[in-house]
Amino acid sequence: MGNVRKIYKIFVYNLPWTVSQHELKAYFNKYGYTYNAVVTFSKKTGLSKGFGFVEFIDKKAYDTVLQQPFHIIDNYNIKVREFKF
């Protein structure tokens, strides 16, 4: 098998409905390279469901994010927790 990277994934919730995937990724990039960021949208309404996921390749960035007491995006105190596959 080839070179397999470990992905460290967090669950992000209490997101304001105005936050896009780009904004989510940009916010978490300040902790280290963000491999991927996804905001979940309702297929029925097209509006954000208020949660998403962020993936890191760097464990240090991942650990730093989880250790922060709070995260603020668009004046919302968003919540993060480890996502278990």
N, C-alpha and C. Protein backbone atom coordinates (compact mmCIF):
# COMPACT_ATOMS: atom_id res chain seq x y z
N MET A 1 0.83 -1.19 0.00
CA MET A 1 0.00 0.00 0.00
C MET A 1 0.87 1.25 0.00
N GLY A 2 0.36 2.32 -0.57
CA GLY A 2 1.11 3.56 -0.69
C GLY A 2 1.21 4.33 0.61
N ASN A 3 1.59 5.55 0.48
CA ASN A 3 1.76 6.44 1.62
C ASN A 3 0.39 6.93 2.09
N VAL A 4 -0.07 6.44 3.22
CA VAL A 4 -1.40 6.79 3.74
C VAL A 4 -1.25 7.86 4.82
N ARG A 5 -1.99 8.94 4.68
CA ARG A 5 -1.95 10.02 5.67
C ARG A 5 -3.04 9.80 6.71
N LYS A 6 -2.71 10.11 7.94
CA LYS A 6 -3.70 10.08 9.00
C LYS A 6 -4.46 11.41 8.96
N ILE A 7 -5.76 11.33 9.06
CA ILE A 7 -6.61 12.52 9.09
C ILE A 7 -7.16 12.69 10.50
N TYR A 8 -7.06 13.90 11.02
CA TYR A 8 -7.61 14.23 12.34
C TYR A 8 -8.81 15.12 12.10
N LYS A 9 -9.97 14.64 12.52
CA LYS A 9 -11.23 15.30 12.17
C LYS A 9 -11.94 15.81 13.42
N ILE A 10 -12.44 17.05 13.33
CA ILE A 10 -13.23 17.60 14.42
C ILE A 10 -14.65 17.88 13.93
N PHE A 11 -15.57 17.77 14.86
CA PHE A 11 -16.97 18.12 14.65
C PHE A 11 -17.13 19.54 15.16
N VAL A 12 -17.70 20.42 14.34
CA VAL A 12 -17.90 21.82 14.69
C VAL A 12 -19.40 22.08 14.69
N TYR A 13 -19.90 22.67 15.77
CA TYR A 13 -21.34 22.93 15.84
C TYR A 13 -21.62 24.28 16.47
N ASN A 14 -22.86 24.67 16.48
CA ASN A 14 -23.30 26.00 16.89
C ASN A 14 -22.78 27.06 15.90
N LEU A 15 -22.67 26.66 14.63
CA LEU A 15 -22.22 27.59 13.60
C LEU A 15 -23.34 28.56 13.22
N PRO A 16 -23.01 29.83 13.02
CA PRO A 16 -24.02 30.74 12.49
C PRO A 16 -24.37 30.33 11.06
N TRP A 17 -25.60 30.54 10.66
CA TRP A 17 -26.05 30.08 9.34
C TRP A 17 -25.34 30.81 8.21
N THR A 18 -24.65 31.92 8.52
CA THR A 18 -23.97 32.72 7.50
C THR A 18 -22.58 32.19 7.15
N VAL A 19 -22.06 31.24 7.91
CA VAL A 19 -20.68 30.76 7.71
C VAL A 19 -20.61 29.76 6.56
N SER A 20 -19.70 30.04 5.63
CA SER A 20 -19.49 29.15 4.49
C SER A 20 -18.32 28.21 4.77
N GLN A 21 -18.15 27.24 3.90
CA GLN A 21 -17.02 26.32 4.03
C GLN A 21 -15.70 27.08 3.93
N HIS A 22 -15.65 28.07 3.06
CA HIS A 22 -14.44 28.88 2.89
C HIS A 22 -14.09 29.60 4.20
N GLU A 23 -15.09 30.21 4.83
CA GLU A 23 -14.86 30.94 6.09
C GLU A 23 -14.45 29.98 7.21
N LEU A 24 -15.05 28.81 7.24
CA LEU A 24 -14.72 27.82 8.26
C LEU A 24 -13.26 27.38 8.10
N LYS A 25 -12.88 27.11 6.88
CA LYS A 25 -11.50 26.69 6.61
C LYS A 25 -10.52 27.82 6.94
N ALA A 26 -10.85 29.04 6.55
CA ALA A 26 -9.99 30.19 6.82
C ALA A 26 -9.80 30.39 8.32
N TYR A 27 -10.86 30.23 9.09
CA TYR A 27 -10.75 30.39 10.54
C TYR A 27 -9.77 29.36 11.13
N PHE A 28 -9.94 28.10 10.78
CA PHE A 28 -9.11 27.05 11.38
C PHE A 28 -7.70 27.00 10.80
N ASN A 29 -7.47 27.61 9.65
CA ASN A 29 -6.12 27.67 9.08
C ASN A 29 -5.15 28.41 9.99
N LYS A 30 -5.65 29.26 10.87
CA LYS A 30 -4.73 29.98 11.75
C LYS A 30 -4.07 29.04 12.77
N TYR A 31 -4.60 27.85 12.93
CA TYR A 31 -4.02 26.86 13.84
C TYR A 31 -3.07 25.91 13.12
N GLY A 32 -3.11 25.91 11.82
CA GLY A 32 -2.29 25.02 11.00
C GLY A 32 -3.07 24.69 9.74
N TYR A 33 -2.42 24.01 8.83
CA TYR A 33 -3.05 23.70 7.56
C TYR A 33 -4.33 22.89 7.75
N THR A 34 -5.41 23.41 7.20
CA THR A 34 -6.71 22.74 7.23
C THR A 34 -6.85 21.95 5.94
N TYR A 35 -6.87 20.65 6.05
CA TYR A 35 -6.97 19.77 4.89
C TYR A 35 -8.31 19.92 4.18
N ASN A 36 -9.38 20.00 4.98
CA ASN A 36 -10.72 20.10 4.42
C ASN A 36 -11.65 20.70 5.47
N ALA A 37 -12.66 21.42 5.01
CA ALA A 37 -13.70 21.96 5.89
C ALA A 37 -15.03 21.86 5.16
N VAL A 38 -16.03 21.40 5.86
CA VAL A 38 -17.35 21.20 5.27
C VAL A 38 -18.42 21.75 6.21
N VAL A 39 -19.32 22.54 5.67
CA VAL A 39 -20.51 22.98 6.40
C VAL A 39 -21.67 22.16 5.83
N THR A 40 -22.48 21.60 6.71
CA THR A 40 -23.61 20.76 6.27
C THR A 40 -24.84 21.63 6.01
N PHE A 41 -25.42 21.43 4.83
CA PHE A 41 -26.61 22.19 4.42
C PHE A 41 -27.80 21.27 4.26
N SER A 42 -28.98 21.81 4.53
CA SER A 42 -30.23 21.07 4.33
C SER A 42 -30.52 20.98 2.83
N LYS A 43 -30.81 19.78 2.35
CA LYS A 43 -31.17 19.62 0.94
C LYS A 43 -32.53 20.24 0.66
N LYS A 44 -33.38 20.26 1.66
CA LYS A 44 -34.73 20.79 1.49
C LYS A 44 -34.75 22.32 1.42
N THR A 45 -34.03 22.99 2.35
CA THR A 45 -34.08 24.45 2.42
C THR A 45 -32.87 25.14 1.82
N GLY A 46 -31.75 24.42 1.69
CA GLY A 46 -30.51 25.02 1.21
C GLY A 46 -29.77 25.82 2.26
N LEU A 47 -30.32 25.86 3.48
CA LEU A 47 -29.69 26.61 4.56
C LEU A 47 -28.76 25.71 5.38
N SER A 48 -27.82 26.36 6.04
CA SER A 48 -26.89 25.64 6.90
C SER A 48 -27.64 24.95 8.04
N LYS A 49 -27.19 23.76 8.39
CA LYS A 49 -27.76 23.04 9.53
C LYS A 49 -27.07 23.44 10.83
N GLY A 50 -26.05 24.31 10.74
CA GLY A 50 -25.38 24.81 11.94
C GLY A 50 -24.25 23.94 12.44
N PHE A 51 -23.81 22.99 11.61
CA PHE A 51 -22.67 22.17 12.00
C PHE A 51 -21.86 21.78 10.78
N GLY A 52 -20.67 21.27 11.06
CA GLY A 52 -19.80 20.84 9.97
C GLY A 52 -18.61 20.07 10.52
N PHE A 53 -17.62 19.90 9.68
CA PHE A 53 -16.44 19.12 10.03
C PHE A 53 -15.20 19.81 9.48
N VAL A 54 -14.10 19.68 10.21
CA VAL A 54 -12.82 20.22 9.78
C VAL A 54 -11.79 19.10 9.92
N GLU A 55 -10.95 18.94 8.90
CA GLU A 55 -9.94 17.88 8.90
C GLU A 55 -8.54 18.48 8.85
N PHE A 56 -7.67 17.91 9.65
CA PHE A 56 -6.26 18.30 9.70
C PHE A 56 -5.40 17.08 9.40
N ILE A 57 -4.23 17.33 8.86
CA ILE A 57 -3.22 16.29 8.69
C ILE A 57 -2.22 16.37 9.84
N ASP A 58 -2.05 17.59 10.35
CA ASP A 58 -1.10 17.86 11.43
C ASP A 58 -1.75 17.66 12.79
N LYS A 59 -1.28 16.69 13.55
CA LYS A 59 -1.86 16.40 14.87
C LYS A 59 -1.70 17.57 15.82
N LYS A 60 -0.61 18.32 15.70
CA LYS A 60 -0.40 19.46 16.59
C LYS A 60 -1.49 20.52 16.40
N ALA A 61 -1.82 20.81 15.15
CA ALA A 61 -2.89 21.78 14.86
C ALA A 61 -4.22 21.28 15.42
N TYR A 62 -4.50 20.03 15.19
CA TYR A 62 -5.72 19.39 15.69
C TYR A 62 -5.81 19.49 17.22
N ASP A 63 -4.73 19.12 17.90
CA ASP A 63 -4.70 19.17 19.36
C ASP A 63 -4.87 20.59 19.87
N THR A 64 -4.23 21.55 19.21
CA THR A 64 -4.34 22.95 19.62
C THR A 64 -5.77 23.45 19.52
N VAL A 65 -6.45 23.11 18.44
CA VAL A 65 -7.85 23.51 18.26
C VAL A 65 -8.72 22.95 19.39
N LEU A 66 -8.54 21.68 19.70
CA LEU A 66 -9.36 21.05 20.74
C LEU A 66 -9.06 21.59 22.13
N GLN A 67 -7.86 22.09 22.35
CA GLN A 67 -7.48 22.60 23.66
C GLN A 67 -7.91 24.04 23.91
N GLN A 68 -8.29 24.75 22.86
CA GLN A 68 -8.72 26.14 23.02
C GLN A 68 -10.03 26.18 23.80
N PRO A 69 -10.14 27.12 24.75
CA PRO A 69 -11.37 27.18 25.56
C PRO A 69 -12.61 27.63 24.78
N PHE A 70 -12.40 28.41 23.72
CA PHE A 70 -13.53 28.84 22.90
C PHE A 70 -13.05 29.26 21.51
N HIS A 71 -13.99 29.28 20.57
CA HIS A 71 -13.75 29.72 19.20
C HIS A 71 -14.90 30.64 18.81
N ILE A 72 -14.57 31.79 18.24
CA ILE A 72 -15.59 32.77 17.85
C ILE A 72 -15.54 33.00 16.34
N ILE A 73 -16.67 32.79 15.68
CA ILE A 73 -16.82 33.12 14.26
C ILE A 73 -18.11 33.93 14.12
N ASP A 74 -18.00 35.09 13.48
CA ASP A 74 -19.15 35.99 13.29
C ASP A 74 -19.91 36.25 14.60
N ASN A 75 -19.17 36.48 15.67
CA ASN A 75 -19.72 36.76 17.01
C ASN A 75 -20.47 35.58 17.63
N TYR A 76 -20.29 34.39 17.10
CA TYR A 76 -20.88 33.17 17.67
C TYR A 76 -19.78 32.38 18.36
N ASN A 77 -20.08 31.90 19.54
CA ASN A 77 -19.16 31.00 20.23
C ASN A 77 -19.43 29.60 19.70
N ILE A 78 -18.64 29.20 18.72
CA ILE A 78 -18.85 27.88 18.13
C ILE A 78 -18.22 26.81 19.01
N LYS A 79 -18.68 25.60 18.89
CA LYS A 79 -18.19 24.48 19.70
C LYS A 79 -17.45 23.49 18.81
N VAL A 80 -16.43 22.87 19.37
CA VAL A 80 -15.67 21.85 18.65
C VAL A 80 -15.48 20.64 19.55
N ARG A 81 -15.44 19.48 18.93
CA ARG A 81 -15.10 18.27 19.66
C ARG A 81 -14.50 17.25 18.70
N GLU A 82 -13.81 16.29 19.26
CA GLU A 82 -13.20 15.25 18.46
C GLU A 82 -14.29 14.48 17.72
N PHE A 83 -14.04 14.20 16.45
CA PHE A 83 -14.96 13.36 15.69
C PHE A 83 -14.38 11.97 15.64
N LYS A 84 -15.16 11.01 16.11
CA LYS A 84 -14.69 9.62 16.12
C LYS A 84 -15.29 8.90 14.93
N PHE A 85 -14.42 8.33 14.11
CA PHE A 85 -14.84 7.62 12.91
C PHE A 85 -15.56 6.34 13.26
